[in-house]
C-alpha atoms as a PDB file:
ATOM      1  CA  MET A   1      26.370 108.955 125.426  1.00  0.00           C
ATOM      2  CA  LYS A   2      27.906 108.813 122.018  1.00  0.00           C
ATOM      3  CA  GLY A   3      29.151 111.611 119.856  1.00  0.00           C
ATOM      4  CA  THR A   4      31.853 114.168 119.928  1.00  0.00           C
ATOM      5  CA  GLU A   5      32.522 116.138 123.044  1.00  0.00           C
ATOM      6  CA  GLU A   6      31.026 119.208 121.405  1.00  0.00           C
ATOM      7  CA  GLU A   7      27.791 117.355 120.512  1.00  0.00           C
ATOM      8  CA  ILE A   8      27.476 116.102 124.064  1.00  0.00           C
ATOM      9  CA  LYS A   9      27.968 119.599 125.476  1.00  0.00           C
ATOM     10  CA  GLN A  10      25.336 120.943 123.081  1.00  0.00           C
ATOM     11  CA  LYS A  11      22.843 118.246 124.112  1.00  0.00           C
ATOM     12  CA  HIS A  12      23.271 119.192 127.742  1.00  0.00           C
ATOM     13  CA  GLN A  13      22.852 122.885 126.975  1.00  0.00           C
ATOM     14  CA  ASP A  14      19.698 122.210 124.953  1.00  0.00           C
ATOM     15  CA  GLY A  15      18.254 120.069 127.715  1.00  0.00           C
ATOM     16  CA  GLU A  16      18.185 116.945 125.579  1.00  0.00           C
ATOM     17  CA  GLY A  17      18.686 113.738 127.467  1.00  0.00           C
ATOM     18  CA  LYS A  18      16.949 115.029 130.569  1.00  0.00           C
ATOM     19  CA  GLU A  19      13.917 112.883 129.834  1.00  0.00           C
ATOM     20  CA  TYR A  20      16.291 109.934 130.222  1.00  0.00           C
ATOM     21  CA  LYS A  21      16.976 111.032 133.787  1.00  0.00           C
ATOM     22  CA  LYS A  22      13.265 111.305 134.512  1.00  0.00           C
ATOM     23  CA  ASP A  23      12.175 107.984 132.998  1.00  0.00           C
ATOM     24  CA  PRO A  24      12.098 105.442 135.859  1.00  0.00           C
ATOM     25  CA  SER A  25      12.183 102.417 133.549  1.00  0.00           C
ATOM     26  CA  LYS A  26      15.351 103.632 131.830  1.00  0.00           C
ATOM     27  CA  LEU A  27      16.937 104.477 135.162  1.00  0.00           C
ATOM     28  CA  LYS A  28      16.088 101.023 136.497  1.00  0.00           C
ATOM     29  CA  LEU A  29      17.670  99.408 133.438  1.00  0.00           C
ATOM     30  CA  LYS A  30      20.797 101.470 133.907  1.00  0.00           C
ATOM     31  CA  LEU A  31      20.943 100.541 137.583  1.00  0.00           C
ATOM     32  CA  GLU A  32      20.493  96.869 136.710  1.00  0.00           C
ATOM     33  CA  LYS A  33      23.408  97.039 134.265  1.00  0.00           C
ATOM     34  CA  ILE A  34      25.594  98.670 136.901  1.00  0.00           C
ATOM     35  CA  ASP A  35      24.620  96.044 139.484  1.00  0.00           C
ATOM     36  CA  THR A  36      25.489  93.267 137.038  1.00  0.00           C
ATOM     37  CA  LYS A  37      28.893  94.792 136.349  1.00  0.00           C
ATOM     38  CA  MET A  38      29.528  95.187 140.076  1.00  0.00           C
ATOM     39  CA  ARG A  39      28.660  91.528 140.741  1.00  0.00           C
ATOM     40  CA  ASP A  40      30.975  90.424 137.935  1.00  0.00           C
ATOM     41  CA  LEU A  41      33.786  92.567 139.286  1.00  0.00           C
ATOM     42  CA  ALA A  42      33.210  91.266 142.819  1.00  0.00           C
ATOM     43  CA  ALA A  43      33.488  87.695 141.517  1.00  0.00           C
ATOM     44  CA  LYS A  44      36.731  88.533 139.702  1.00  0.00           C
ATOM     45  CA  ARG A  45      38.021  90.187 142.872  1.00  0.00           C
ATOM     46  CA  GLU A  46      37.322  87.043 144.878  1.00  0.00           C
ATOM     47  CA  GLU A  47      39.135  84.909 142.296  1.00  0.00           C
ATOM     48  CA  ILE A  48      42.153  87.200 142.447  1.00  0.00           C
ATOM     49  CA  LEU A  49      42.165  87.178 146.250  1.00  0.00           C
ATOM     50  CA  LYS A  50      42.090  83.367 146.231  1.00  0.00           C
ATOM     51  CA  SER A  51      44.969  83.319 143.751  1.00  0.00           C
ATOM     52  CA  ILE A  52      46.964  85.683 145.955  1.00  0.00           C
ATOM     53  CA  GLU A  53      46.342  83.561 149.040  1.00  0.00           C
ATOM     54  CA  GLU A  54      47.326  80.422 147.152  1.00  0.00           C
ATOM     55  CA  ALA A  55      50.485  82.065 145.804  1.00  0.00           C
ATOM     56  CA  GLU A  56      51.429  83.293 149.281  1.00  0.00           C
ATOM     57  CA  LYS A  57      50.945  79.805 150.722  1.00  0.00           C
ATOM     58  CA  ASN A  58      53.109  78.350 147.966  1.00  0.00           C
ATOM     59  CA  ALA A  59      55.758  81.006 148.552  1.00  0.00           C
ATOM     60  CA  VAL A  60      55.873  80.170 152.265  1.00  0.00           C
ATOM     61  CA  ALA A  61      56.022  76.437 151.534  1.00  0.00           C
ATOM     62  CA  ASN A  62      58.714  76.837 148.834  1.00  0.00           C
ATOM     63  CA  PRO A  63      60.615  80.084 149.548  1.00  0.00           C
ATOM     64  CA  ASN A  64      63.553  79.275 147.221  1.00  0.00           C
ATOM     65  CA  LYS A  65      61.521  78.173 144.238  1.00  0.00           C
ATOM     66  CA  GLU A  66      62.585  80.443 141.384  1.00  0.00           C
ATOM     67  CA  ASP A  67      61.451  78.191 138.544  1.00  0.00           C
ATOM     68  CA  ASP A  68      57.815  79.264 138.760  1.00  0.00           C
ATOM     69  CA  PRO A  69      56.757  79.763 135.096  1.00  0.00           C
ATOM     70  CA  ASP A  70      54.124  82.317 136.126  1.00  0.00           C
ATOM     71  CA  LEU A  71      56.798  84.590 137.560  1.00  0.00           C
ATOM     72  CA  LYS A  72      59.300  84.384 134.690  1.00  0.00           C
ATOM     73  CA  GLN A  73      59.583  87.411 132.465  1.00  0.00           C
ATOM     74  CA  ASP A  74      60.501  87.035 128.818  1.00  0.00           C
END
């Protein structure tokens, strides 16, 4: 929903936008978009988990390594 907060409140009071909630095709499209976003986020999550595991393995293998460029702060 776009518009100012006041416009959005007025739409809800007037009952506008309710047909959106009743239209199955629009609801299915919205659900499909949400599912796509969730799959993308799940893939990113898996990548991050793999990176964490890899970093932990490297930390165990090289516990005194302080020259890691990824960990340096400027």
